[in-house]
N, C-alpha and C. Protein backbone atom coordinates (compact mmCIF):
# COMPACT_ATOMS: atom_id res chain seq x y z
N MET A 1 80.27 142.12 -10.68
CA MET A 1 79.49 141.27 -10.33
C MET A 1 80.00 139.58 -9.49
N ALA A 2 79.88 139.15 -8.26
CA ALA A 2 80.17 137.89 -7.86
C ALA A 2 79.28 136.86 -9.08
N THR A 3 80.31 135.93 -9.15
CA THR A 3 79.94 134.68 -9.90
C THR A 3 79.60 133.59 -8.69
N THR A 4 78.61 132.78 -9.12
CA THR A 4 77.86 131.80 -7.66
C THR A 4 77.73 130.55 -8.76
N HIS A 5 78.49 129.44 -8.10
CA HIS A 5 78.35 128.28 -8.39
C HIS A 5 77.78 127.51 -7.64
N SER A 6 77.34 126.24 -8.48
CA SER A 6 76.40 125.04 -7.30
C SER A 6 77.75 124.33 -6.45
N ILE A 7 77.31 124.03 -5.22
CA ILE A 7 78.04 122.99 -4.93
C ILE A 7 77.67 121.51 -4.83
N LEU A 8 77.80 120.54 -5.65
CA LEU A 8 77.26 119.43 -5.80
C LEU A 8 78.02 118.33 -4.78
N ALA A 9 77.77 118.90 -3.69
CA ALA A 9 78.27 117.99 -2.29
C ALA A 9 77.51 118.04 -1.39
N ASP A 10 77.43 117.44 -0.11
CA ASP A 10 76.46 117.59 1.17
C ASP A 10 77.81 117.97 2.25
N VAL A 11 78.87 117.83 1.65
CA VAL A 11 80.20 118.41 2.70
C VAL A 11 81.02 119.24 1.85
N SER A 12 81.46 120.36 2.46
CA SER A 12 82.55 121.32 1.83
C SER A 12 83.32 121.64 2.96
N ALA A 13 84.86 121.97 2.50
CA ALA A 13 85.88 121.99 3.15
C ALA A 13 86.75 123.08 2.47
N GLY A 14 87.53 123.67 3.17
CA GLY A 14 88.61 124.98 2.33
C GLY A 14 90.05 124.17 2.29
N ILE A 15 90.67 124.67 0.93
CA ILE A 15 92.15 124.12 0.97
C ILE A 15 92.93 124.19 2.29
N SER A 16 92.68 125.34 3.15
CA SER A 16 93.84 124.98 4.10
C SER A 16 93.27 123.96 5.17
N GLU A 17 92.21 123.85 5.10
CA GLU A 17 91.59 122.68 5.94
C GLU A 17 92.25 121.28 5.16
N LEU A 18 92.22 121.30 3.96
CA LEU A 18 92.68 120.28 3.27
C LEU A 18 94.03 119.38 3.53
N LYS A 19 94.70 120.81 3.32
CA LYS A 19 95.87 120.84 2.95
C LYS A 19 96.90 120.16 4.94
N LYS A 20 96.07 120.80 5.70
CA LYS A 20 96.45 120.24 7.14
C LYS A 20 95.93 118.90 7.54
N ASN A 21 95.02 118.26 6.79
CA ASN A 21 94.83 116.89 7.12
C ASN A 21 94.03 116.55 6.20
N PRO A 22 94.58 116.08 4.99
CA PRO A 22 93.73 115.51 3.72
C PRO A 22 92.69 114.64 3.94
N MET A 23 93.00 113.47 4.83
CA MET A 23 92.30 112.53 4.85
C MET A 23 91.32 112.57 5.72
N ALA A 24 91.49 113.79 6.80
CA ALA A 24 90.08 113.89 7.89
C ALA A 24 89.08 114.91 7.37
N VAL A 25 89.79 115.48 5.88
CA VAL A 25 88.53 115.94 5.15
C VAL A 25 87.62 114.91 4.15
N VAL A 26 88.35 113.54 3.74
CA VAL A 26 88.18 113.03 2.67
C VAL A 26 86.72 111.94 3.97
N GLU A 27 87.13 112.04 5.19
CA GLU A 27 86.92 111.07 6.05
C GLU A 27 85.24 112.00 6.27
N GLN A 28 85.45 113.07 6.25
CA GLN A 28 84.10 113.96 6.31
C GLN A 28 82.90 113.83 5.89
N GLY A 29 83.22 113.18 4.38
CA GLY A 29 82.32 113.05 3.35
C GLY A 29 81.71 111.82 3.67
N ASP A 30 82.18 111.09 4.67
CA ASP A 30 81.76 109.59 4.84
C ASP A 30 81.27 108.97 3.69
N GLY A 31 82.23 108.78 2.68
CA GLY A 31 82.06 107.72 1.54
C GLY A 31 82.00 108.64 0.73
N ALA A 32 81.25 109.55 0.42
CA ALA A 32 80.99 110.72 -0.72
C ALA A 32 81.70 111.72 -0.66
N PRO A 33 81.89 112.40 -2.24
CA PRO A 33 82.45 113.13 -2.36
C PRO A 33 82.12 114.69 -1.07
N VAL A 34 83.51 115.13 -1.17
CA VAL A 34 83.84 116.51 -0.48
C VAL A 34 84.00 118.18 -1.49
N ALA A 35 83.40 118.83 -1.45
CA ALA A 35 83.58 119.92 -2.01
C ALA A 35 84.81 120.84 -1.43
N ILE A 36 85.58 120.85 -2.15
CA ILE A 36 87.00 122.10 -2.18
C ILE A 36 87.12 123.13 -2.12
N LEU A 37 86.98 124.13 -1.34
CA LEU A 37 86.47 125.54 -1.62
C LEU A 37 87.59 125.96 -1.50
N ASN A 38 88.07 126.90 -2.24
CA ASN A 38 88.96 128.28 -2.64
C ASN A 38 88.41 129.57 -2.35
N ARG A 39 88.19 130.44 -1.12
CA ARG A 39 87.36 131.74 -1.26
C ARG A 39 86.17 131.42 -1.39
N ASN A 40 85.54 130.53 -1.17
CA ASN A 40 84.16 130.02 -0.81
C ASN A 40 83.71 129.57 -2.27
N GLN A 41 84.39 129.38 -3.24
CA GLN A 41 84.18 128.63 -4.43
C GLN A 41 84.97 127.35 -4.89
N PRO A 42 83.64 126.45 -5.10
CA PRO A 42 84.45 124.95 -5.54
C PRO A 42 85.48 125.26 -6.21
N VAL A 43 86.45 124.74 -6.39
CA VAL A 43 87.64 124.40 -7.02
C VAL A 43 87.74 123.01 -7.71
N PHE A 44 87.46 122.01 -6.73
CA PHE A 44 87.54 120.87 -7.11
C PHE A 44 86.71 120.01 -5.93
N TYR A 45 86.56 118.71 -6.38
CA TYR A 45 86.08 117.57 -5.35
C TYR A 45 86.66 116.37 -5.06
N ALA A 46 87.07 116.13 -4.00
CA ALA A 46 87.82 115.45 -2.96
C ALA A 46 86.68 113.86 -3.58
N VAL A 47 86.92 112.68 -4.05
CA VAL A 47 86.29 111.69 -4.41
C VAL A 47 86.65 110.65 -3.59
N PRO A 48 86.15 109.73 -2.94
CA PRO A 48 87.36 108.57 -2.01
C PRO A 48 87.18 107.35 -3.57
N ALA A 49 88.11 106.57 -3.39
CA ALA A 49 88.07 105.86 -4.47
C ALA A 49 87.17 104.74 -4.70
N GLU A 50 86.50 104.25 -3.82
CA GLU A 50 85.45 103.34 -4.23
C GLU A 50 84.07 104.38 -4.57
N ALA A 51 83.75 105.48 -4.28
CA ALA A 51 83.07 106.55 -4.83
C ALA A 51 83.24 106.63 -6.94
N TYR A 52 84.75 106.87 -6.85
CA TYR A 52 85.29 107.06 -8.49
C TYR A 52 85.37 106.13 -8.75
N GLU A 53 85.20 104.66 -8.31
CA GLU A 53 85.05 103.53 -8.94
C GLU A 53 83.04 103.31 -9.30
N LEU A 54 82.79 103.92 -8.71
CA LEU A 54 81.46 103.30 -8.54
C LEU A 54 81.08 104.18 -9.86
N LEU A 55 81.40 105.40 -9.96
CA LEU A 55 80.67 106.24 -10.96
C LEU A 55 81.47 106.40 -12.30
N MET A 56 82.42 105.55 -12.39
CA MET A 56 83.07 105.06 -13.92
C MET A 56 82.36 103.42 -14.27
N ASP A 57 82.20 102.59 -13.17
CA ASP A 57 81.36 101.66 -13.33
C ASP A 57 79.65 102.35 -14.00
N LYS A 58 79.20 103.30 -13.68
CA LYS A 58 77.99 103.64 -13.98
C LYS A 58 77.98 104.28 -15.24
N LEU A 59 78.95 105.52 -15.65
CA LEU A 59 79.42 105.65 -16.88
C LEU A 59 80.02 104.90 -18.08
N GLU A 60 80.30 103.73 -17.88
CA GLU A 60 80.39 102.60 -19.03
C GLU A 60 79.01 102.03 -19.17
N ASP A 61 78.71 101.43 -17.70
CA ASP A 61 77.01 101.52 -18.44
C ASP A 61 76.48 102.02 -19.21
N ILE A 62 76.25 103.32 -18.78
CA ILE A 62 75.45 104.28 -19.85
C ILE A 62 75.99 104.17 -21.27
N GLU A 63 77.40 104.00 -21.54
CA GLU A 63 77.87 103.83 -22.65
C GLU A 63 77.55 102.77 -23.58
N LEU A 64 77.57 101.31 -22.83
CA LEU A 64 77.51 100.34 -23.16
C LEU A 64 75.73 100.23 -23.88
N ALA A 65 74.88 101.12 -22.85
CA ALA A 65 73.06 101.26 -23.08
C ALA A 65 73.48 101.82 -24.71
N ALA A 66 73.99 102.91 -24.45
CA ALA A 66 73.69 104.02 -25.49
C ALA A 66 74.51 103.13 -27.34
N ILE A 67 75.31 101.80 -26.78
CA ILE A 67 75.71 101.48 -28.38
C ILE A 67 74.58 100.16 -28.20
N VAL A 68 73.51 99.75 -27.53
CA VAL A 68 73.04 98.73 -27.32
C VAL A 68 71.71 99.40 -28.29
N ARG A 69 71.58 100.52 -27.87
CA ARG A 69 70.52 101.51 -28.38
C ARG A 69 70.63 101.65 -29.87
N GLU A 70 72.38 102.03 -30.43
CA GLU A 70 72.53 102.28 -31.41
C GLU A 70 72.44 101.26 -32.76
N ARG A 71 72.61 100.04 -32.00
CA ARG A 71 72.37 98.80 -32.73
C ARG A 71 71.10 97.86 -32.88
N GLN A 72 70.35 98.19 -31.71
CA GLN A 72 68.98 97.63 -31.59
C GLN A 72 68.26 97.45 -33.00
N ASP A 73 68.46 97.94 -33.91
CA ASP A 73 67.31 98.02 -35.53
C ASP A 73 68.38 97.40 -36.32
N MET A 74 69.53 96.71 -36.38
CA MET A 74 70.75 96.08 -37.08
C MET A 74 70.00 94.91 -36.90
N PRO A 75 70.09 94.12 -38.23
CA PRO A 75 69.95 92.95 -38.85
C PRO A 75 71.23 91.74 -37.95
N GLU A 76 70.48 90.82 -37.45
CA GLU A 76 71.27 89.90 -37.04
C GLU A 76 71.86 89.05 -37.70
N ILE A 77 72.74 88.38 -37.28
CA ILE A 77 73.85 87.40 -37.84
C ILE A 77 73.70 86.58 -37.11
N GLU A 78 73.44 84.86 -37.84
CA GLU A 78 73.70 84.00 -36.94
C GLU A 78 74.83 83.24 -37.07
N VAL A 79 75.63 82.56 -36.25
CA VAL A 79 76.98 82.51 -35.82
C VAL A 79 76.29 81.21 -35.28
N SER A 80 77.64 80.11 -35.61
CA SER A 80 77.69 78.51 -35.32
C SER A 80 78.46 78.79 -34.20
N LEU A 81 78.43 78.14 -33.02
CA LEU A 81 80.11 77.97 -31.77
C LEU A 81 81.12 77.36 -32.60
N ASP A 82 80.63 76.15 -33.74
CA ASP A 82 81.93 75.80 -34.47
C ASP A 82 82.59 76.54 -35.11
N GLU A 83 81.78 77.63 -35.68
CA GLU A 83 82.69 78.42 -36.66
C GLU A 83 83.44 79.80 -36.10
N LEU A 84 83.20 79.54 -34.51
CA LEU A 84 84.10 80.47 -34.05
C LEU A 84 85.38 79.97 -33.59
């Protein structure tokens, strides 16, 4: 029985197409990730640098929000700027 996988991109390309012209494949995504397929199964995503950087920024925001939620009920500590 064949396994199916979701393709989490609007654009896809085959490995052979990627080998022939990697930049053309990335440009097909118009700034969004391109699913790279091998035998019609996604094997990885070609993610443009700008999209990757935005993704990393969002992940950092999620991590920081989790820290805030974790600490929101902790008592506040008064600190004077002169003491720093």
